Amino acid sequence: MIMKWRFTLVALLFCAVAAAQGSLEVKLKREEDNCVRIWAEKTRAGKCTVVLKFKMLENCTNYGDGIYTVAGGSENLVLLRPINSEKQIIYDYTYSVFYGDVEAEPDTTFVYRLPVSAHKPTRRRNVVDIYDRYLKNEERQLASSVFDVEATDTIYIARKGVVVDIDRTAHKQDKSLITTTERATVTVEHADGSYAFYRMLDPNSISVRLGQTVYPDTPIGRPWSFNGEQYLFFFSVADYVWVERGKKTEYKRFTPLFNTDRGVTSLQHDVEYRAVVDDELIEREMSGREKRHRKRQ
C-alpha cells in the first residue's frame, strides 16, 4: 500500500496570498515520456508573479523551484524531466501568487503626461493618505498628487498601459479604522511593472474597461466631489516590491516626472502647471502598428 502511494501523483496546491487568490491557477500535465509540464492560467488583466516551491521532488533531473512572471493568459512555467523515463516523477509542491511583476525595476526617469486638461493650468497639492496618517505609518506617508479641477473637466491617461482594476467603491478596513466612499479608482499597469492610480473619479463617468490598452491622452473619466462643490483628482505612481522575498509584497510609491509648461519636472506643492502634450509624448511607447493606427484616426 505504501509503495502504491509513492507512485501516485502528489500535488499540494494553495494560493498563499489572499489579494491574488483566484486570479491565477497553476496546472500540470504528465506527458507520455513521463515529463511533467507545469503552467499557469490567468484570468486577471495585467501581470502576476508566481512563486513555485517543491517540498518533494524525486526521479527528476532539474530543480523546479523558481519565481516566474506570467503576462499572458496561459504560460508555461517549467518542464520536469525524469532521470529514469520508465518511472514517474514524484513531487509535492506549493505555489503563491502576487499581483504584478515583482522582479521588475520601474523607470523612475520616465516622463508622464500631466493627466489633466492641456487647455488650462491646474494647481497641484501634496496629500497624505488618511489611513496611513491615522495609523502613523511613516514609511507609507509619501505624498500623492492632488489637482484642483472642475466638474466638467476630463481626466486623461498619463502613460501607456493596461487597465487592471476599476474599483467603484473605495474601501479600507483595519481593526481601528474603517473608511469608505463612493468614488472610483482606476489602476493602470505599465510595461516596466509600475502602476498608476487614478483616484477620486465619478463612478458613472468611467470610459475605459478592464483589460483595455490605454495611451497618454486617452480620456478616463471625470472628477468626483466630496460635497458637490469642490472637485479634486488624486494621482500616484507605485510598484510592487518584496518585503520578504517570495513571501510578501507591498506597494512602494515614487514621484514621477511630468511634461509641463515649466519643463520636465516633478510637481511642487501649491504651484500651477499646464500639461504639454505632443506626438512624441503620446507615441513614446507605441508600436509601429499603433502609431499607424493613430494617424488613420
C-alpha atoms as a PDB file:
ATOM      1  CA  MET A   1       0.000   0.000   0.000  1.00  0.00           C
ATOM      2  CA  ILE A   2       2.831   2.394   0.798  1.00  0.00           C
ATOM      3  CA  MET A   3       4.662   1.579  -2.434  1.00  0.00           C
ATOM      4  CA  LYS A   4       1.477   2.109  -4.434  1.00  0.00           C
ATOM      5  CA  TRP A   5       1.019   5.540  -2.835  1.00  0.00           C
ATOM      6  CA  ARG A   6       4.596   6.563  -3.705  1.00  0.00           C
ATOM      7  CA  PHE A   7       3.870   6.137  -7.408  1.00  0.00           C
ATOM      8  CA  THR A   8       0.653   8.105  -7.242  1.00  0.00           C
ATOM      9  CA  LEU A   9       0.527  11.774  -8.302  1.00  0.00           C
ATOM     10  CA  VAL A  10       1.049  14.023  -5.289  1.00  0.00           C
ATOM     11  CA  ALA A  11       0.103  17.698  -5.625  1.00  0.00           C
ATOM     12  CA  LEU A  12      -0.470  20.147  -2.805  1.00  0.00           C
ATOM     13  CA  LEU A  13      -1.929  23.353  -4.239  1.00  0.00           C
ATOM     14  CA  PHE A  14      -2.807  26.513  -2.390  1.00  0.00           C
ATOM     15  CA  CYS A  15      -2.720  30.226  -3.009  1.00  0.00           C
ATOM     16  CA  ALA A  16      -0.943  31.903  -0.098  1.00  0.00           C
ATOM     17  CA  VAL A  17      -1.747  35.484  -0.997  1.00  0.00           C
ATOM     18  CA  ALA A  18      -5.382  36.465  -0.414  1.00  0.00           C
ATOM     19  CA  ALA A  19      -5.213  39.533  -2.643  1.00  0.00           C
ATOM     20  CA  ALA A  20      -4.318  37.464  -5.706  1.00  0.00           C
ATOM     21  CA  GLN A  21      -6.314  34.352  -4.909  1.00  0.00           C
ATOM     22  CA  GLY A  22      -8.485  33.242  -7.780  1.00  0.00           C
ATOM     23  CA  SER A  23      -6.707  35.348 -10.389  1.00  0.00           C
ATOM     24  CA  LEU A  24      -4.256  32.627 -11.405  1.00  0.00           C
ATOM     25  CA  GLU A  25      -4.178  28.848 -11.228  1.00  0.00           C
ATOM     26  CA  VAL A  26      -1.160  26.578 -11.629  1.00  0.00           C
ATOM     27  CA  LYS A  27      -1.896  23.405 -13.615  1.00  0.00           C
ATOM     28  CA  LEU A  28       0.093  20.341 -14.629  1.00  0.00           C
ATOM     29  CA  LYS A  29       0.135  17.537 -17.178  1.00  0.00           C
ATOM     30  CA  ARG A  30       2.139  14.325 -17.232  1.00  0.00           C
ATOM     31  CA  GLU A  31       3.417  13.717 -20.756  1.00  0.00           C
ATOM     32  CA  GLU A  32       3.800  10.306 -22.431  1.00  0.00           C
ATOM     33  CA  ASP A  33       7.547  10.302 -21.735  1.00  0.00           C
ATOM     34  CA  ASN A  34       6.810  10.916 -18.020  1.00  0.00           C
ATOM     35  CA  CYS A  35       7.905  14.546 -18.198  1.00  0.00           C
ATOM     36  CA  VAL A  36       5.659  16.866 -16.185  1.00  0.00           C
ATOM     37  CA  ARG A  37       4.648  20.193 -17.709  1.00  0.00           C
ATOM     38  CA  ILE A  38       3.612  22.878 -15.225  1.00  0.00           C
ATOM     39  CA  TRP A  39       1.906  26.014 -16.494  1.00  0.00           C
ATOM     40  CA  ALA A  40      -0.183  28.930 -15.249  1.00  0.00           C
ATOM     41  CA  GLU A  41      -3.597  30.114 -16.403  1.00  0.00           C
ATOM     42  CA  LYS A  42      -4.500  33.691 -15.508  1.00  0.00           C
ATOM     43  CA  THR A  43      -7.912  35.354 -15.617  1.00  0.00           C
ATOM     44  CA  ARG A  44      -6.842  38.797 -14.389  1.00  0.00           C
ATOM     45  CA  ALA A  45      -5.657  41.545 -16.732  1.00  0.00           C
ATOM     46  CA  GLY A  46      -2.028  42.518 -16.198  1.00  0.00           C
ATOM     47  CA  LYS A  47       0.953  40.548 -14.928  1.00  0.00           C
ATOM     48  CA  CYS A  48       1.243  38.217 -11.952  1.00  0.00           C
ATOM     49  CA  THR A  49       4.243  36.736 -10.174  1.00  0.00           C
ATOM     50  CA  VAL A  50       4.181  33.038  -9.262  1.00  0.00           C
ATOM     51  CA  VAL A  51       6.453  31.613  -6.578  1.00  0.00           C
ATOM     52  CA  LEU A  52       6.762  27.845  -7.093  1.00  0.00           C
ATOM     53  CA  LYS A  53       8.346  25.711  -4.379  1.00  0.00           C
ATOM     54  CA  PHE A  54       8.781  21.926  -4.288  1.00  0.00           C
ATOM     55  CA  LYS A  55       8.574  20.185  -0.938  1.00  0.00           C
ATOM     56  CA  MET A  56       9.495  16.858  -2.530  1.00  0.00           C
ATOM     57  CA  LEU A  57      10.970  16.013  -5.924  1.00  0.00           C
ATOM     58  CA  GLU A  58      12.170  12.505  -6.853  1.00  0.00           C
ATOM     59  CA  ASN A  59      13.368  10.982 -10.132  1.00  0.00           C
ATOM     60  CA  CYS A  60      13.853  14.435 -11.648  1.00  0.00           C
ATOM     61  CA  THR A  61      16.857  15.886 -13.486  1.00  0.00           C
ATOM     62  CA  ASN A  62      16.045  19.554 -12.884  1.00  0.00           C
ATOM     63  CA  TYR A  63      15.071  21.645  -9.870  1.00  0.00           C
ATOM     64  CA  GLY A  64      11.678  23.312 -10.360  1.00  0.00           C
ATOM     65  CA  ASP A  65      11.693  25.970  -7.638  1.00  0.00           C
ATOM     66  CA  GLY A  66      11.543  29.491  -9.003  1.00  0.00           C
ATOM     67  CA  ILE A  67       9.892  32.892  -9.316  1.00  0.00           C
ATOM     68  CA  TYR A  68       8.019  33.315 -12.599  1.00  0.00           C
ATOM     69  CA  THR A  69       6.285  36.286 -14.220  1.00  0.00           C
ATOM     70  CA  VAL A  70       3.054  35.499 -16.075  1.00  0.00           C
ATOM     71  CA  ALA A  71       1.919  38.109 -18.591  1.00  0.00           C
ATOM     72  CA  GLY A  72      -0.368  36.186 -20.945  1.00  0.00           C
ATOM     73  CA  GLY A  73      -3.492  34.198 -20.241  1.00  0.00           C
ATOM     74  CA  SER A  74      -1.637  30.876 -20.299  1.00  0.00           C
ATOM     75  CA  GLU A  75       2.134  30.422 -19.930  1.00  0.00           C
ATOM     76  CA  ASN A  76       4.482  27.503 -19.274  1.00  0.00           C
ATOM     77  CA  LEU A  77       6.443  27.703 -16.031  1.00  0.00           C
ATOM     78  CA  VAL A  78       8.701  24.642 -16.004  1.00  0.00           C
ATOM     79  CA  LEU A  79       9.121  21.202 -17.585  1.00  0.00           C
ATOM     80  CA  LEU A  80      10.257  18.491 -15.175  1.00  0.00           C
ATOM     81  CA  ARG A  81      12.268  15.700 -16.813  1.00  0.00           C
ATOM     82  CA  PRO A  82      12.660  12.218 -15.244  1.00  0.00           C
ATOM     83  CA  ILE A  83      16.031  10.651 -14.539  1.00  0.00           C
ATOM     84  CA  ASN A  84      14.523   7.255 -15.358  1.00  0.00           C
ATOM     85  CA  SER A  85      11.998   7.779 -18.141  1.00  0.00           C
ATOM     86  CA  GLU A  86      10.376   4.434 -17.329  1.00  0.00           C
ATOM     87  CA  LYS A  87       9.231   5.757 -13.972  1.00  0.00           C
ATOM     88  CA  GLN A  88       7.089   8.701 -12.936  1.00  0.00           C
ATOM     89  CA  ILE A  89       8.374  11.836 -11.230  1.00  0.00           C
ATOM     90  CA  ILE A  90       7.197  12.022  -7.626  1.00  0.00           C
ATOM     91  CA  TYR A  91       6.603  15.518  -6.305  1.00  0.00           C
ATOM     92  CA  ASP A  92       4.830  17.644  -3.763  1.00  0.00           C
ATOM     93  CA  TYR A  93       4.721  21.418  -4.231  1.00  0.00           C
ATOM     94  CA  THR A  94       3.095  24.685  -3.263  1.00  0.00           C
ATOM     95  CA  TYR A  95       2.717  27.984  -5.068  1.00  0.00           C
ATOM     96  CA  SER A  96       1.907  31.578  -4.180  1.00  0.00           C
ATOM     97  CA  VAL A  97       0.551  34.294  -6.467  1.00  0.00           C
ATOM     98  CA  PHE A  98       1.278  38.027  -6.275  1.00  0.00           C
ATOM     99  CA  TYR A  99      -0.100  40.830  -8.410  1.00  0.00           C
ATOM    100  CA  GLY A 100       2.336  42.484 -10.797  1.00  0.00           C
ATOM    101  CA  ASP A 101       5.872  41.751 -11.956  1.00  0.00           C
ATOM    102  CA  VAL A 102       7.610  41.941  -8.577  1.00  0.00           C
ATOM    103  CA  GLU A 103      11.013  41.342 -10.170  1.00  0.00           C
ATOM    104  CA  ALA A 104      10.729  44.401 -12.444  1.00  0.00           C
ATOM    105  CA  GLU A 105      12.585  47.660 -11.843  1.00  0.00           C
ATOM    106  CA  PRO A 106      10.430  50.709 -12.709  1.00  0.00           C
ATOM    107  CA  ASP A 107      11.848  53.519 -14.829  1.00  0.00           C
ATOM    108  CA  THR A 108      11.784  56.496 -12.457  1.00  0.00           C
ATOM    109  CA  THR A 109      13.083  58.779 -15.250  1.00  0.00           C
ATOM    110  CA  PHE A 110      10.052  58.190 -17.453  1.00  0.00           C
ATOM    111  CA  VAL A 111       8.171  61.384 -18.411  1.00  0.00           C
ATOM    112  CA  TYR A 112       4.390  61.203 -17.859  1.00  0.00           C
ATOM    113  CA  ARG A 113       1.580  63.216 -19.359  1.00  0.00           C
ATOM    114  CA  LEU A 114       0.003  65.504 -16.777  1.00  0.00           C
ATOM    115  CA  PRO A 115      -3.377  63.729 -16.503  1.00  0.00           C
ATOM    116  CA  VAL A 116      -5.497  66.881 -16.637  1.00  0.00           C
ATOM    117  CA  SER A 117      -6.622  69.260 -19.386  1.00  0.00           C
ATOM    118  CA  ALA A 118      -3.908  70.844 -21.527  1.00  0.00           C
ATOM    119  CA  HIS A 119      -6.128  73.869 -22.179  1.00  0.00           C
ATOM    120  CA  LYS A 120      -5.775  75.462 -18.755  1.00  0.00           C
ATOM    121  CA  PRO A 121      -3.439  75.374 -15.765  1.00  0.00           C
ATOM    122  CA  THR A 122      -4.113  73.348 -12.649  1.00  0.00           C
ATOM    123  CA  ARG A 123      -2.723  73.632  -9.145  1.00  0.00           C
ATOM    124  CA  ARG A 124      -1.010  70.613  -7.579  1.00  0.00           C
ATOM    125  CA  ARG A 125      -1.194  69.898  -3.848  1.00  0.00           C
ATOM    126  CA  ASN A 126       0.501  67.359  -1.582  1.00  0.00           C
ATOM    127  CA  VAL A 127      -1.668  64.955   0.381  1.00  0.00           C
ATOM    128  CA  VAL A 128      -1.043  62.031   2.686  1.00  0.00           C
ATOM    129  CA  ASP A 129      -3.320  59.012   2.803  1.00  0.00           C
ATOM    130  CA  ILE A 130      -5.561  59.458   5.865  1.00  0.00           C
ATOM    131  CA  TYR A 131      -5.287  55.718   6.512  1.00  0.00           C
ATOM    132  CA  ASP A 132      -1.503  55.972   6.756  1.00  0.00           C
ATOM    133  CA  ARG A 133      -1.588  59.152   8.833  1.00  0.00           C
ATOM    134  CA  TYR A 134      -4.149  57.707  11.248  1.00  0.00           C
ATOM    135  CA  LEU A 135      -2.057  54.584  11.758  1.00  0.00           C
ATOM    136  CA  LYS A 136       1.164  56.653  11.856  1.00  0.00           C
ATOM    137  CA  ASN A 137       2.699  54.509   9.138  1.00  0.00           C
ATOM    138  CA  GLU A 138       5.755  56.669   8.478  1.00  0.00           C
ATOM    139  CA  GLU A 139       7.138  54.535   5.647  1.00  0.00           C
ATOM    140  CA  ARG A 140       3.977  54.936   3.582  1.00  0.00           C
ATOM    141  CA  GLN A 141       3.413  58.651   4.183  1.00  0.00           C
ATOM    142  CA  LEU A 142       4.717  59.637   0.747  1.00  0.00           C
ATOM    143  CA  ALA A 143       2.521  62.327  -0.754  1.00  0.00           C
ATOM    144  CA  SER A 144       0.319  61.702  -3.756  1.00  0.00           C
ATOM    145  CA  SER A 145      -0.559  64.429  -6.254  1.00  0.00           C
ATOM    146  CA  VAL A 146      -3.906  66.167  -5.952  1.00  0.00           C
ATOM    147  CA  PHE A 147      -5.138  68.542  -8.640  1.00  0.00           C
ATOM    148  CA  ASP A 148      -7.771  71.256  -8.407  1.00  0.00           C
ATOM    149  CA  VAL A 149     -10.263  70.575 -11.206  1.00  0.00           C
ATOM    150  CA  GLU A 150     -13.826  71.360 -12.203  1.00  0.00           C
ATOM    151  CA  ALA A 151     -16.866  69.093 -12.525  1.00  0.00           C
ATOM    152  CA  THR A 152     -16.802  69.193 -16.335  1.00  0.00           C
ATOM    153  CA  ASP A 153     -13.058  68.526 -16.651  1.00  0.00           C
ATOM    154  CA  THR A 154     -11.797  65.342 -18.280  1.00  0.00           C
ATOM    155  CA  ILE A 155      -9.082  63.207 -16.683  1.00  0.00           C
ATOM    156  CA  TYR A 156      -6.583  61.578 -19.066  1.00  0.00           C
ATOM    157  CA  ILE A 157      -4.289  58.574 -19.015  1.00  0.00           C
ATOM    158  CA  ALA A 158      -0.717  59.630 -18.180  1.00  0.00           C
ATOM    159  CA  ARG A 159       1.190  56.716 -19.714  1.00  0.00           C
ATOM    160  CA  LYS A 160       0.549  53.733 -21.969  1.00  0.00           C
ATOM    161  CA  GLY A 161      -0.569  50.669 -20.046  1.00  0.00           C
ATOM    162  CA  VAL A 162      -3.290  48.112 -19.395  1.00  0.00           C
ATOM    163  CA  VAL A 163      -6.331  48.762 -17.198  1.00  0.00           C
ATOM    164  CA  VAL A 164      -6.063  46.091 -14.496  1.00  0.00           C
ATOM    165  CA  ASP A 165      -8.629  47.300 -11.974  1.00  0.00           C
ATOM    166  CA  ILE A 166     -11.714  49.529 -11.827  1.00  0.00           C
ATOM    167  CA  ASP A 167     -12.929  49.972  -8.267  1.00  0.00           C
ATOM    168  CA  ARG A 168     -16.161  51.937  -7.968  1.00  0.00           C
ATOM    169  CA  THR A 169     -16.263  51.651  -4.175  1.00  0.00           C
ATOM    170  CA  ALA A 170     -13.028  52.518  -2.378  1.00  0.00           C
ATOM    171  CA  HIS A 171     -12.990  50.753   0.988  1.00  0.00           C
ATOM    172  CA  LYS A 172     -10.255  50.367   3.609  1.00  0.00           C
ATOM    173  CA  GLN A 173     -10.575  48.486   6.830  1.00  0.00           C
ATOM    174  CA  ASP A 174      -8.441  47.933   9.896  1.00  0.00           C
ATOM    175  CA  LYS A 175      -9.229  46.863  13.436  1.00  0.00           C
ATOM    176  CA  SER A 176      -9.273  50.502  14.489  1.00  0.00           C
ATOM    177  CA  LEU A 177     -10.302  52.269  11.272  1.00  0.00           C
ATOM    178  CA  ILE A 178     -12.909  51.883   8.537  1.00  0.00           C
ATOM    179  CA  THR A 179     -13.286  54.374   5.696  1.00  0.00           C
ATOM    180  CA  THR A 180     -15.487  54.108   2.639  1.00  0.00           C
ATOM    181  CA  THR A 181     -16.688  56.344  -0.157  1.00  0.00           C
ATOM    182  CA  GLU A 182     -18.490  56.047  -3.481  1.00  0.00           C
ATOM    183  CA  ARG A 183     -15.635  57.461  -5.545  1.00  0.00           C
ATOM    184  CA  ALA A 184     -13.968  55.343  -8.225  1.00  0.00           C
ATOM    185  CA  THR A 185     -10.337  54.333  -8.722  1.00  0.00           C
ATOM    186  CA  VAL A 186      -8.808  53.095 -11.981  1.00  0.00           C
ATOM    187  CA  THR A 187      -5.483  51.235 -11.879  1.00  0.00           C
ATOM    188  CA  VAL A 188      -3.232  51.017 -14.953  1.00  0.00           C
ATOM    189  CA  GLU A 189      -0.215  48.723 -15.194  1.00  0.00           C
ATOM    190  CA  HIS A 190       2.791  49.931 -17.223  1.00  0.00           C
ATOM    191  CA  ALA A 191       5.344  47.944 -19.227  1.00  0.00           C
ATOM    192  CA  ASP A 192       8.101  48.474 -16.610  1.00  0.00           C
ATOM    193  CA  GLY A 193       6.000  46.973 -13.805  1.00  0.00           C
ATOM    194  CA  SER A 194       4.863  50.267 -12.268  1.00  0.00           C
ATOM    195  CA  TYR A 195       1.231  51.237 -11.687  1.00  0.00           C
ATOM    196  CA  ALA A 196      -0.696  54.486 -11.984  1.00  0.00           C
ATOM    197  CA  PHE A 197      -3.649  55.074  -9.678  1.00  0.00           C
ATOM    198  CA  TYR A 198      -6.358  57.473 -10.847  1.00  0.00           C
ATOM    199  CA  ARG A 199      -8.494  58.224  -7.797  1.00  0.00           C
ATOM    200  CA  MET A 200     -11.467  60.431  -6.990  1.00  0.00           C
ATOM    201  CA  LEU A 201     -13.271  59.711 -10.255  1.00  0.00           C
ATOM    202  CA  ASP A 202     -17.009  59.880 -10.824  1.00  0.00           C
ATOM    203  CA  PRO A 203     -18.046  56.180 -10.897  1.00  0.00           C
ATOM    204  CA  ASN A 204     -20.622  56.901 -13.613  1.00  0.00           C
ATOM    205  CA  SER A 205     -18.120  58.626 -15.904  1.00  0.00           C
ATOM    206  CA  ILE A 206     -15.524  55.873 -16.374  1.00  0.00           C
ATOM    207  CA  SER A 207     -14.823  55.494 -20.104  1.00  0.00           C
ATOM    208  CA  VAL A 208     -12.231  52.676 -20.035  1.00  0.00           C
ATOM    209  CA  ARG A 209     -12.703  48.946 -19.475  1.00  0.00           C
ATOM    210  CA  LEU A 210     -10.774  46.150 -17.800  1.00  0.00           C
ATOM    211  CA  GLY A 211      -8.028  44.731 -19.984  1.00  0.00           C
ATOM    212  CA  GLN A 212      -8.035  47.741 -22.322  1.00  0.00           C
ATOM    213  CA  THR A 213      -4.706  49.090 -23.567  1.00  0.00           C
ATOM    214  CA  VAL A 214      -4.725  52.833 -22.986  1.00  0.00           C
ATOM    215  CA  TYR A 215      -2.403  55.627 -24.083  1.00  0.00           C
ATOM    216  CA  PRO A 216      -1.391  59.121 -22.972  1.00  0.00           C
ATOM    217  CA  ASP A 217      -4.322  61.381 -23.862  1.00  0.00           C
ATOM    218  CA  THR A 218      -6.929  58.595 -23.596  1.00  0.00           C
ATOM    219  CA  PRO A 219      -9.857  60.056 -21.607  1.00  0.00           C
ATOM    220  CA  ILE A 220     -10.576  58.072 -18.479  1.00  0.00           C
ATOM    221  CA  GLY A 221     -13.477  59.916 -16.827  1.00  0.00           C
ATOM    222  CA  ARG A 222     -14.499  62.993 -14.840  1.00  0.00           C
ATOM    223  CA  PRO A 223     -13.590  64.030 -11.281  1.00  0.00           C
ATOM    224  CA  TRP A 224     -15.721  63.379  -8.236  1.00  0.00           C
ATOM    225  CA  SER A 225     -16.606  65.724  -5.372  1.00  0.00           C
ATOM    226  CA  PHE A 226     -16.935  65.235  -1.629  1.00  0.00           C
ATOM    227  CA  ASN A 227     -19.526  67.969  -1.263  1.00  0.00           C
ATOM    228  CA  GLY A 228     -20.789  68.717  -4.771  1.00  0.00           C
ATOM    229  CA  GLU A 229     -18.841  71.983  -4.857  1.00  0.00           C
ATOM    230  CA  GLN A 230     -15.091  71.265  -4.696  1.00  0.00           C
ATOM    231  CA  TYR A 231     -13.664  68.820  -7.239  1.00  0.00           C
ATOM    232  CA  LEU A 232     -10.291  67.164  -6.773  1.00  0.00           C
ATOM    233  CA  PHE A 233      -8.391  64.439  -8.614  1.00  0.00           C
ATOM    234  CA  PHE A 234      -5.778  62.178  -6.996  1.00  0.00           C
ATOM    235  CA  PHE A 235      -2.887  60.617  -8.928  1.00  0.00           C
ATOM    236  CA  SER A 236       0.004  58.449  -7.768  1.00  0.00           C
ATOM    237  CA  VAL A 237       2.548  56.016  -9.206  1.00  0.00           C
ATOM    238  CA  ALA A 238       3.962  52.960  -7.432  1.00  0.00           C
ATOM    239  CA  ASP A 239       5.360  49.496  -7.957  1.00  0.00           C
ATOM    240  CA  TYR A 240       5.214  46.202  -6.093  1.00  0.00           C
ATOM    241  CA  VAL A 241       8.354  45.349  -4.117  1.00  0.00           C
ATOM    242  CA  TRP A 242       9.328  42.373  -1.994  1.00  0.00           C
ATOM    243  CA  VAL A 243       9.028  42.919   1.738  1.00  0.00           C
ATOM    244  CA  GLU A 244      10.123  39.332   2.236  1.00  0.00           C
ATOM    245  CA  ARG A 245      11.363  37.769  -0.984  1.00  0.00           C
ATOM    246  CA  GLY A 246       8.989  35.121  -2.278  1.00  0.00           C
ATOM    247  CA  LYS A 247       6.580  35.615   0.621  1.00  0.00           C
ATOM    248  CA  LYS A 248       5.237  39.169   0.947  1.00  0.00           C
ATOM    249  CA  THR A 249       4.909  42.296  -1.220  1.00  0.00           C
ATOM    250  CA  GLU A 250       3.702  45.858  -0.811  1.00  0.00           C
ATOM    251  CA  TYR A 251       3.315  48.989  -2.917  1.00  0.00           C
ATOM    252  CA  LYS A 252       6.173  51.481  -2.938  1.00  0.00           C
ATOM    253  CA  ARG A 253       5.209  54.905  -4.264  1.00  0.00           C
ATOM    254  CA  PHE A 254       7.636  57.149  -6.110  1.00  0.00           C
ATOM    255  CA  THR A 255       7.481  60.679  -7.502  1.00  0.00           C
ATOM    256  CA  PRO A 256       7.037  60.728 -11.303  1.00  0.00           C
ATOM    257  CA  LEU A 257       8.228  63.326 -13.805  1.00  0.00           C
ATOM    258  CA  PHE A 258       5.704  65.234 -15.943  1.00  0.00           C
ATOM    259  CA  ASN A 259       5.866  67.192 -19.194  1.00  0.00           C
ATOM    260  CA  THR A 260       4.613  70.687 -18.309  1.00  0.00           C
ATOM    261  CA  ASP A 261       4.823  74.329 -19.343  1.00  0.00           C
ATOM    262  CA  ARG A 262       7.580  74.591 -16.705  1.00  0.00           C
ATOM    263  CA  GLY A 263       9.551  71.842 -18.463  1.00  0.00           C
ATOM    264  CA  VAL A 264      10.022  68.207 -17.471  1.00  0.00           C
ATOM    265  CA  THR A 265       9.723  68.268 -13.711  1.00  0.00           C
ATOM    266  CA  SER A 266       8.410  66.651 -10.558  1.00  0.00           C
ATOM    267  CA  LEU A 267       5.471  68.706  -9.325  1.00  0.00           C
ATOM    268  CA  GLN A 268       5.786  71.045  -6.362  1.00  0.00           C
ATOM    269  CA  HIS A 269       3.117  71.789  -3.782  1.00  0.00           C
ATOM    270  CA  ASP A 270       0.746  74.713  -4.438  1.00  0.00           C
ATOM    271  CA  VAL A 271       2.232  75.509  -7.871  1.00  0.00           C
ATOM    272  CA  GLU A 272       0.235  75.860 -11.085  1.00  0.00           C
ATOM    273  CA  TYR A 273       1.152  73.707 -14.086  1.00  0.00           C
ATOM    274  CA  ARG A 274      -0.247  73.264 -17.564  1.00  0.00           C
ATOM    275  CA  ALA A 275       0.004  69.937 -19.380  1.00  0.00           C
ATOM    276  CA  VAL A 276       2.122  69.936 -22.535  1.00  0.00           C
ATOM    277  CA  VAL A 277       1.032  67.154 -24.883  1.00  0.00           C
ATOM    278  CA  ASP A 278       2.731  66.353 -28.193  1.00  0.00           C
ATOM    279  CA  ASP A 279       3.135  63.378 -30.554  1.00  0.00           C
ATOM    280  CA  GLU A 280       6.450  62.344 -29.023  1.00  0.00           C
ATOM    281  CA  LEU A 281       4.898  62.066 -25.565  1.00  0.00           C
ATOM    282  CA  ILE A 282       1.812  60.190 -26.770  1.00  0.00           C
ATOM    283  CA  GLU A 283       3.684  57.782 -29.069  1.00  0.00           C
ATOM    284  CA  ARG A 284       6.743  57.144 -26.886  1.00  0.00           C
ATOM    285  CA  GLU A 285       5.771  53.560 -26.028  1.00  0.00           C
ATOM    286  CA  MET A 286       3.615  52.811 -29.072  1.00  0.00           C
ATOM    287  CA  SER A 287       4.490  50.084 -31.549  1.00  0.00           C
ATOM    288  CA  GLY A 288       4.759  50.926 -35.234  1.00  0.00           C
ATOM    289  CA  ARG A 289       1.301  49.460 -35.792  1.00  0.00           C
ATOM    290  CA  GLU A 290      -0.196  51.552 -33.001  1.00  0.00           C
ATOM    291  CA  LYS A 291       1.362  54.715 -34.446  1.00  0.00           C
ATOM    292  CA  ARG A 292      -0.056  53.969 -37.904  1.00  0.00           C
ATOM    293  CA  HIS A 293      -3.499  53.283 -36.415  1.00  0.00           C
ATOM    294  CA  ARG A 294      -3.376  56.586 -34.534  1.00  0.00           C
ATOM    295  CA  LYS A 295      -2.538  58.525 -37.690  1.00  0.00           C
ATOM    296  CA  ARG A 296      -5.524  56.980 -39.515  1.00  0.00           C
ATOM    297  CA  GLN A 297      -7.941  58.145 -36.819  1.00  0.00           C
END
